[in-house]
Structures are given as structure tokens and as C-alpha cells.
Protein backbone atom coordinates (compact mmCIF):
# COMPACT_ATOMS: atom_id res chain seq x y z
CA MET A 1 -28.92 -0.92 -16.21
CA VAL A 2 -29.95 1.63 -13.61
CA THR A 3 -33.34 2.17 -11.97
CA VAL A 4 -34.21 5.62 -10.72
CA GLY A 5 -37.03 6.36 -8.29
CA MET A 6 -38.41 9.87 -8.42
CA ASN A 7 -40.66 10.88 -5.52
CA TYR A 8 -43.05 13.74 -6.21
CA TYR A 9 -45.29 15.35 -3.58
CA VAL A 10 -48.33 17.04 -5.13
CA ILE A 11 -50.54 19.75 -3.64
CA ALA A 12 -54.00 18.43 -2.74
CA GLY A 13 -56.39 18.95 -5.62
CA LYS A 14 -53.57 19.07 -8.22
CA GLU A 15 -53.29 15.30 -8.74
CA GLN A 16 -55.00 15.34 -12.14
CA ALA A 17 -52.75 18.15 -13.36
CA PHE A 18 -49.70 16.18 -12.23
CA GLU A 19 -50.88 13.01 -13.96
CA LYS A 20 -51.59 14.94 -17.16
CA ALA A 21 -48.08 16.40 -17.06
CA PHE A 22 -46.66 12.94 -16.36
CA HIS A 23 -48.19 11.66 -19.60
CA LYS A 24 -46.22 14.37 -21.44
CA VAL A 25 -43.05 13.21 -19.69
CA ILE A 26 -43.77 9.60 -20.76
CA HIS A 27 -44.07 10.76 -24.37
CA ALA A 28 -40.71 12.55 -24.12
CA LEU A 29 -39.12 9.50 -22.50
CA ARG A 30 -40.02 7.34 -25.48
CA GLU A 31 -37.57 9.41 -27.52
CA ALA A 32 -34.82 9.53 -24.87
CA PRO A 33 -31.67 7.56 -25.69
CA GLY A 34 -31.01 4.89 -23.06
CA HIS A 35 -34.55 4.84 -21.62
CA THR A 36 -36.22 1.43 -21.37
CA GLU A 37 -39.34 1.72 -19.18
CA THR A 38 -41.13 4.07 -16.77
CA ARG A 39 -44.09 3.51 -14.44
CA LEU A 40 -46.05 5.81 -12.14
CA PHE A 41 -47.18 4.65 -8.69
CA ASN A 42 -49.42 6.42 -6.16
CA GLU A 43 -49.06 6.05 -2.38
CA VAL A 44 -52.21 4.53 -0.85
CA ASP A 45 -51.97 6.48 2.43
CA ASP A 46 -50.95 9.77 0.77
CA PRO A 47 -52.73 10.29 -2.58
CA GLY A 48 -50.49 13.28 -3.30
CA HIS A 49 -47.29 11.20 -3.12
CA TYR A 50 -46.23 9.71 -6.44
CA LEU A 51 -43.28 7.50 -7.27
CA ILE A 52 -41.99 7.36 -10.81
CA VAL A 53 -39.78 4.31 -11.40
CA SER A 54 -37.66 4.63 -14.50
CA ASP A 55 -35.23 2.13 -16.04
CA TRP A 56 -32.23 3.30 -18.05
CA ASN A 57 -29.28 1.68 -19.76
CA ASP A 58 -26.99 3.67 -17.46
CA GLN A 59 -26.82 6.69 -15.12
CA ALA A 60 -25.40 8.93 -17.86
CA ALA A 61 -28.51 8.41 -20.03
CA PHE A 62 -30.80 9.41 -17.15
CA ASP A 63 -28.68 12.45 -16.29
CA ALA A 64 -28.70 13.56 -19.93
CA PHE A 65 -32.49 13.34 -20.06
CA MET A 66 -32.90 15.34 -16.84
CA ARG A 67 -30.75 18.12 -18.35
CA SER A 68 -32.49 17.98 -21.74
CA GLU A 69 -34.72 20.57 -23.32
CA ALA A 70 -37.28 17.80 -23.88
CA PHE A 71 -37.60 17.30 -20.10
CA ARG A 72 -37.70 21.03 -19.36
CA ALA A 73 -40.42 21.50 -21.97
CA VAL A 74 -42.79 19.03 -20.28
CA ALA A 75 -41.81 19.27 -16.60
CA ASP A 76 -43.65 22.45 -15.69
CA TRP A 77 -44.42 21.40 -12.10
CA GLY A 78 -43.21 24.67 -10.57
CA LYS A 79 -44.79 26.89 -13.19
CA GLU A 80 -48.15 25.24 -12.61
CA GLN A 81 -47.64 25.25 -8.82
CA ILE A 82 -48.32 21.53 -8.63
CA LEU A 83 -45.68 20.35 -6.16
CA ARG A 84 -45.81 20.79 -2.38
CA ALA A 85 -42.16 19.79 -1.89
CA ARG A 86 -38.97 19.45 -3.87
CA PRO A 87 -38.79 16.15 -5.81
CA GLU A 88 -36.46 13.47 -4.46
CA HIS A 89 -34.56 11.28 -6.93
CA ARG A 90 -32.86 8.06 -5.83
CA VAL A 91 -30.81 5.57 -7.81
CA TYR A 92 -31.77 1.99 -6.87
CA GLY A 93 -29.34 -0.03 -8.92
CA GLN A 94 -26.51 0.06 -11.38
């Protein structure tokens, strides 16, 4: 199993739009091969900083999802001008 942490930094005032988009990502994840669980956390001292923690059977399953059309279809952060910085993805365990 692998756990991936995805840090997203959202423009002030766009938090609801980000959370709405995240719910679409969760729906897509339910269909993703190798996905087991995902949770969204919000930084107390920086309400625009979100951490998505996602568990996968292996790194290859996560990588495949990130390249998938299903992810591209719901991850419209840039198009909606929601993010204030480039997302940071980190693998926590394998």
C-alpha cells in the first residue's frame, strides 16, 4: 500500500469552489482501480491550505489515476483559477 499526500493552496475566497471540485474527484476515485480511501484536511492556520491524503494499493495505481481522463475531467483547478500555487504531491509510504 502507498499513501499519497497532495497539498493544494487555494486563493482566498475560492475555498468553496475547491471543496465542490474535490467532491467530484472523490466520486471519480471510487471508480479508480487500486484506490482504497481518500480524506480532505484543512490547515487551521491557513484556511486556503488543503491536504488530500489518499491510500492506494501501489504507486502505479495512483500514477495511472493522475494521468487518467477521469482525473482531468474533474480537476479543473487551473481553468477555474482556484489555486494560488502549484500542487505538491508527496508519497508517504510504500
